[in-house]
Amino acid sequence: MIINLNDKNFEESVSKPGLPVLVDFWAPWCGPCQIVGPIIEELAKENEGKIKVGKINVDESPQIAAKFGIMSIPTVILFKEGKEISRKVGFESKESLVKLISDL
């Protein structure tokens, strides 16, 4: 299951102890984001119980994007207990994102 993140639920969803959270920073007008979207959905299904997966629309939540210095999308950040542990910027293959998760 993918969590739709926004300014109101981001901190609570990402900073809670427990499972790491993979967050996809995206926008509907972004072509590469549309390609990465289905990959993120597959990862959410395949890693259920190992990680949580969230998506945040940077147009709707620009403060969060600014807080994490998102300058280009898609950007995928892996958080553990609220701390960024890894980041991928631009289009990434499924294999690259699987490796990001498997490095936990």
Protein backbone atom coordinates (compact mmCIF):
# COMPACT_ATOMS: atom_id res chain seq x y z
CA MET A 1 0.00 0.00 0.00
CA ILE A 2 1.30 3.44 -0.92
CA ILE A 3 0.79 6.31 1.50
CA ASN A 4 -0.15 9.64 -0.08
CA LEU A 5 2.02 12.08 1.82
CA ASN A 6 1.45 15.80 2.27
CA ASP A 7 2.41 18.68 4.57
CA LYS A 8 0.06 17.40 7.29
CA ASN A 9 1.10 13.75 7.52
CA PHE A 10 4.71 13.72 6.26
CA GLU A 11 6.55 14.11 9.57
CA GLU A 12 4.36 11.62 11.40
CA SER A 13 4.58 9.04 8.61
CA VAL A 14 8.33 9.28 8.08
CA SER A 15 9.70 9.88 11.57
CA LYS A 16 7.94 7.10 13.47
CA PRO A 17 10.17 4.26 14.65
CA GLY A 18 9.61 1.03 12.79
CA LEU A 19 9.85 0.24 9.12
CA PRO A 20 12.01 2.37 6.81
CA VAL A 21 10.02 4.63 4.48
CA LEU A 22 10.74 4.99 0.76
CA VAL A 23 9.39 8.35 -0.44
CA ASP A 24 8.86 9.24 -4.11
CA PHE A 25 8.90 13.01 -4.72
CA TRP A 26 6.98 13.55 -7.97
CA ALA A 27 4.58 15.76 -9.96
CA PRO A 28 1.82 14.85 -12.44
CA TRP A 29 3.43 16.86 -15.28
CA CYS A 30 6.79 15.06 -14.93
CA GLY A 31 7.31 12.42 -17.67
CA PRO A 32 10.03 10.43 -15.86
CA CYS A 33 7.85 10.48 -12.71
CA GLN A 34 5.09 8.76 -14.67
CA ILE A 35 7.54 6.02 -15.68
CA VAL A 36 8.87 5.55 -12.14
CA GLY A 37 5.35 5.50 -10.60
CA PRO A 38 4.50 1.89 -11.56
CA ILE A 39 7.95 0.75 -10.38
CA ILE A 40 7.32 2.37 -7.00
CA GLU A 41 3.94 0.57 -6.83
CA GLU A 42 5.63 -2.78 -7.59
CA LEU A 43 8.22 -2.16 -4.89
CA ALA A 44 5.47 -1.36 -2.38
CA LYS A 45 3.74 -4.69 -3.10
CA GLU A 46 6.92 -6.75 -3.23
CA ASN A 47 8.34 -5.30 0.00
CA GLU A 48 5.19 -5.13 2.11
CA GLY A 49 6.16 -5.66 5.73
CA LYS A 50 9.80 -4.72 5.03
CA ILE A 51 9.33 -1.03 4.11
CA LYS A 52 6.59 1.56 3.88
CA VAL A 53 6.24 3.45 0.61
CA GLY A 54 4.93 6.98 0.20
CA LYS A 55 4.49 9.46 -2.62
CA ILE A 56 4.50 13.22 -2.25
CA ASN A 57 3.40 15.62 -4.98
CA VAL A 58 5.93 18.47 -4.91
CA ASP A 59 3.41 20.91 -6.41
CA GLU A 60 0.98 20.31 -3.55
CA SER A 61 3.65 20.20 -0.80
CA PRO A 62 6.43 22.57 -1.84
CA GLN A 63 7.54 23.16 1.77
CA ILE A 64 8.48 19.50 2.24
CA ALA A 65 10.28 19.45 -1.12
CA ALA A 66 12.23 22.57 -0.12
CA LYS A 67 13.06 21.13 3.30
CA PHE A 68 14.80 18.18 1.66
CA GLY A 69 16.41 20.22 -1.12
CA ILE A 70 14.48 18.57 -3.94
CA MET A 71 15.78 20.32 -7.05
CA SER A 72 14.89 17.67 -9.62
CA ILE A 73 12.17 15.05 -9.85
CA PRO A 74 11.66 12.24 -9.60
CA THR A 75 13.69 11.98 -6.42
CA VAL A 76 13.39 8.90 -4.21
CA ILE A 77 14.60 9.13 -0.62
CA LEU A 78 14.85 6.27 1.86
CA PHE A 79 14.23 7.32 5.47
CA LYS A 80 14.84 5.34 8.63
CA GLU A 81 13.34 6.74 11.83
CA GLY A 82 13.04 10.16 10.20
CA LYS A 83 16.62 10.35 8.95
CA GLU A 84 17.57 10.23 5.29
CA ILE A 85 19.79 7.24 4.64
CA SER A 86 19.86 7.20 0.84
CA ARG A 87 18.72 9.23 -2.17
CA LYS A 88 18.30 8.66 -5.91
CA VAL A 89 17.65 11.59 -8.26
CA GLY A 90 16.19 11.23 -11.74
CA PHE A 91 14.86 8.14 -13.43
CA GLU A 92 16.12 4.97 -11.78
CA SER A 93 15.59 1.41 -12.93
CA LYS A 94 13.73 -1.07 -10.78
CA GLU A 95 17.02 -2.90 -10.19
CA SER A 96 18.62 0.28 -8.85
CA LEU A 97 15.71 0.91 -6.47
CA VAL A 98 15.69 -2.75 -5.35
CA LYS A 99 19.38 -2.38 -4.49
CA LEU A 100 18.61 0.76 -2.51
CA ILE A 101 16.14 -1.23 -0.40
CA SER A 102 18.30 -4.34 -0.13
CA ASP A 103 21.15 -2.24 1.33
CA LEU A 104 19.09 -1.76 4.51
